[in-house]
Protein backbone atom coordinates (compact mmCIF):
# COMPACT_ATOMS: atom_id res chain seq x y z
CA MET A 1 27.63 -10.76 4.80
CA LYS A 2 25.88 -7.48 3.97
CA LYS A 3 25.23 -8.71 0.43
CA THR A 4 23.50 -11.84 1.76
CA ILE A 5 21.36 -9.81 4.16
CA PHE A 6 20.42 -7.38 1.41
CA THR A 7 19.52 -10.24 -0.94
CA ASP A 8 17.34 -11.81 1.76
CA LEU A 9 15.60 -8.49 2.40
CA PHE A 10 15.05 -7.96 -1.31
CA GLU A 11 13.54 -11.40 -1.79
CA ALA A 12 11.35 -11.08 1.31
CA TYR A 13 10.02 -7.56 0.79
CA GLN A 14 10.18 -6.79 -2.93
CA LEU A 15 6.62 -7.89 -3.69
CA PRO A 16 4.95 -6.45 -0.54
CA LEU A 17 6.72 -3.11 -1.07
CA TYR A 18 5.78 -3.06 -4.74
CA ARG A 19 2.13 -3.76 -3.92
CA TYR A 20 2.16 -1.03 -1.28
CA LEU A 21 3.72 1.52 -3.64
CA LEU A 22 1.37 0.51 -6.43
CA GLN A 23 -1.63 0.93 -4.15
CA MET A 24 -0.41 4.32 -3.01
CA SER A 25 0.78 5.74 -6.34
CA ARG A 26 -1.85 4.05 -8.54
CA ASN A 27 0.82 3.96 -11.24
CA LYS A 28 2.87 0.92 -12.21
CA GLN A 29 5.92 2.84 -13.45
CA VAL A 30 6.03 5.10 -10.41
CA ALA A 31 5.73 2.10 -8.10
CA GLU A 32 8.64 0.39 -9.86
CA GLU A 33 10.80 3.52 -9.68
CA LEU A 34 10.03 4.08 -6.01
CA LEU A 35 10.71 0.42 -5.25
CA GLN A 36 14.07 0.65 -7.00
CA GLU A 37 14.95 3.80 -5.07
CA THR A 38 13.86 2.18 -1.79
CA PHE A 39 16.22 -0.76 -2.27
CA TYR A 40 18.97 1.52 -3.55
CA ARG A 41 18.79 3.49 -0.31
CA ALA A 42 18.65 0.27 1.67
CA MET A 43 21.76 -1.01 -0.05
CA ILE A 44 23.64 2.19 0.72
CA SER A 45 22.63 2.83 4.30
CA LEU A 46 21.05 -0.25 5.83
CA GLU A 47 22.87 -1.68 8.78
CA VAL A 48 20.64 -4.47 9.98
CA LYS A 49 20.97 -5.21 13.64
CA ASN A 50 17.43 -6.42 14.07
CA MET A 51 15.81 -8.09 11.08
CA ALA A 52 12.34 -7.47 12.52
CA GLN A 53 12.93 -3.72 12.29
CA ALA A 54 14.15 -3.96 8.69
CA LYS A 55 10.60 -4.48 7.41
CA ALA A 56 9.30 -1.36 9.13
CA TRP A 57 12.38 0.61 8.05
CA LEU A 58 11.93 -0.38 4.39
CA PHE A 59 8.25 0.59 4.43
CA LYS A 60 9.13 3.88 6.11
CA VAL A 61 11.66 4.64 3.36
CA ALA A 62 9.11 3.66 0.70
CA ARG A 63 6.44 5.85 2.32
CA ASN A 64 8.79 8.84 2.51
CA LEU A 65 9.77 8.37 -1.14
CA TYR A 66 6.09 8.21 -2.06
CA ILE A 67 5.40 11.43 -0.14
CA ASP A 68 8.30 13.12 -1.92
CA TRP A 69 6.93 11.91 -5.25
CA THR A 70 3.45 13.27 -4.50
CA ARG A 71 4.92 16.65 -3.60
CA LYS A 72 6.82 16.78 -6.88
CA SER A 73 4.03 15.36 -8.96
CA LYS A 74 1.91 17.84 -10.86
CA SER A 75 -0.74 15.35 -11.81
CA GLU A 76 -3.74 15.32 -9.52
CA GLN A 77 -5.34 12.71 -11.75
CA ARG A 78 -3.35 9.86 -10.19
CA MET A 79 -5.97 9.47 -7.46
CA VAL A 80 -8.74 9.06 -10.01
CA GLU A 81 -6.98 6.90 -12.60
CA ARG A 82 -7.72 3.22 -12.61
CA ILE A 83 -4.91 0.74 -12.85
CA GLN A 84 -5.02 -2.91 -13.46
CA LEU A 85 -3.26 -4.86 -10.75
CA GLU A 86 -1.25 -7.83 -11.82
CA ARG A 87 -2.79 -11.03 -10.59
CA ALA A 88 -0.81 -14.05 -9.56
CA ASP A 89 -3.33 -16.34 -11.19
CA ILE A 90 -3.48 -14.53 -14.54
CA ASP A 91 -2.72 -17.72 -16.48
CA SER A 92 -5.29 -19.80 -14.65
CA ILE A 93 -8.65 -20.38 -16.24
CA GLY A 94 -11.53 -19.84 -13.88
CA ASN A 95 -15.13 -18.90 -13.78
CA PRO A 96 -15.45 -15.64 -15.75
CA GLU A 97 -18.42 -14.53 -13.64
CA ALA A 98 -16.46 -15.06 -10.43
CA GLN A 99 -13.45 -13.23 -11.89
CA LEU A 100 -15.67 -10.30 -12.88
CA GLU A 101 -17.24 -10.23 -9.42
CA ASN A 102 -13.80 -10.29 -7.75
CA LEU A 103 -12.58 -7.51 -10.04
CA THR A 104 -15.66 -5.44 -9.25
CA LYS A 105 -15.11 -5.91 -5.51
CA GLN A 106 -11.44 -5.03 -5.87
CA GLU A 107 -12.27 -1.87 -7.81
CA HIS A 108 -14.84 -0.92 -5.18
CA ILE A 109 -12.28 -1.34 -2.38
CA GLU A 110 -9.75 0.74 -4.32
CA GLU A 111 -12.36 3.47 -4.85
CA VAL A 112 -13.15 3.54 -1.13
CA LEU A 113 -9.45 3.62 -0.21
CA CYS A 114 -8.86 6.54 -2.59
CA ARG A 115 -11.35 8.63 -0.65
CA LEU A 116 -9.40 8.27 2.60
CA PRO A 117 -6.70 10.78 3.53
CA GLU A 118 -3.16 9.58 2.74
CA ARG A 119 -2.20 8.86 6.35
CA MET A 120 -5.35 6.83 7.06
CA ARG A 121 -5.05 5.00 3.74
CA THR A 122 -1.42 4.09 4.41
CA ILE A 123 -2.04 2.88 7.95
CA LEU A 124 -5.10 0.87 6.92
CA TYR A 125 -3.27 -0.63 3.94
CA ILE A 126 -0.10 -1.70 5.73
CA ARG A 127 -2.04 -3.04 8.72
CA GLU A 128 -4.82 -4.90 6.91
CA ILE A 129 -3.27 -5.79 3.55
CA GLN A 130 0.42 -6.11 4.42
CA GLY A 131 -0.25 -7.62 7.85
CA PHE A 132 1.96 -5.29 9.88
CA THR A 133 1.66 -5.43 13.65
CA TYR A 134 0.59 -2.24 15.41
CA GLN A 135 4.19 -1.73 16.56
CA GLU A 136 5.54 -2.16 13.02
CA VAL A 137 3.00 0.38 11.75
CA ALA A 138 4.06 2.79 14.49
CA THR A 139 7.72 2.40 13.56
CA ALA A 140 7.11 2.70 9.81
CA MET A 141 4.90 5.76 10.20
CA ASN A 142 6.95 7.35 12.97
CA LEU A 143 3.92 7.47 15.27
CA SER A 144 3.14 6.34 18.79
CA LEU A 145 1.25 3.10 19.31
CA SER A 146 -1.82 5.00 20.55
CA GLN A 147 -1.76 7.27 17.47
CA VAL A 148 -1.71 4.19 15.23
CA LYS A 149 -4.65 2.61 17.06
CA THR A 150 -6.66 5.83 17.00
CA THR A 151 -5.95 6.53 13.34
CA LEU A 152 -6.71 2.93 12.40
CA PHE A 153 -10.03 3.09 14.27
CA ARG A 154 -10.96 6.31 12.47
CA ALA A 155 -9.77 4.95 9.10
CA ARG A 156 -11.92 1.84 9.48
CA LYS A 157 -14.89 4.00 10.45
CA LYS A 158 -14.39 6.27 7.40
CA PHE A 159 -13.84 3.24 5.18
CA ARG A 160 -17.20 1.79 6.28
CA TYR A 161 -18.87 5.18 5.74
CA TYR A 162 -17.51 5.59 2.20
CA ASP A 163 -18.25 1.94 1.46
CA GLN A 164 -21.91 2.46 2.36
CA LEU A 165 -22.01 5.78 0.53
CA LEU A 166 -20.72 4.23 -2.69
CA LYS A 167 -23.04 1.26 -2.38
CA GLY A 168 -25.92 3.68 -1.87
CA GLU A 169 -24.95 5.61 -5.01
CA CYS A 170 -24.82 2.39 -6.99
CA SER A 171 -28.24 1.18 -5.81
CA ASP A 172 -29.89 4.52 -6.69
CA GLU A 173 -28.65 4.33 -10.27
CA ARG A 174 -30.32 1.00 -10.98
């Protein structure tokens, strides 16, 4: 029974957790290692009574592993390095101009996210990209619902500020 539940959890959350860890670590190998460790810990200690809470629990474990990794990591360059995200439609042939525009937008969003503090970036990412509910964010981040709402409000405000700042820098260079 536990094996079936674990398999279901793995299939359901492997890709969202990987994307989250990749966004946070900005390093493919680190994201893969942290994902493996997350599911290893889940396999050892997860007793699922409520499947809805499993998602938040897994993201909480992944976040804590990421925090541990950042503390141990000596490289401050990880926030600056660019990575290429794997795209689901990599084999599809499309409009090269549209692909370049999408890539440029994606890089801009990543640059703006990198400027946010870790807590704001995490909350904004798991709420907006991963689609967590406010309650799931609160559980995953070990915060109250009001703290999540306040931090999310401030993160969105800072995101807009940095977005405008970067767009302003780009327009001055032309």
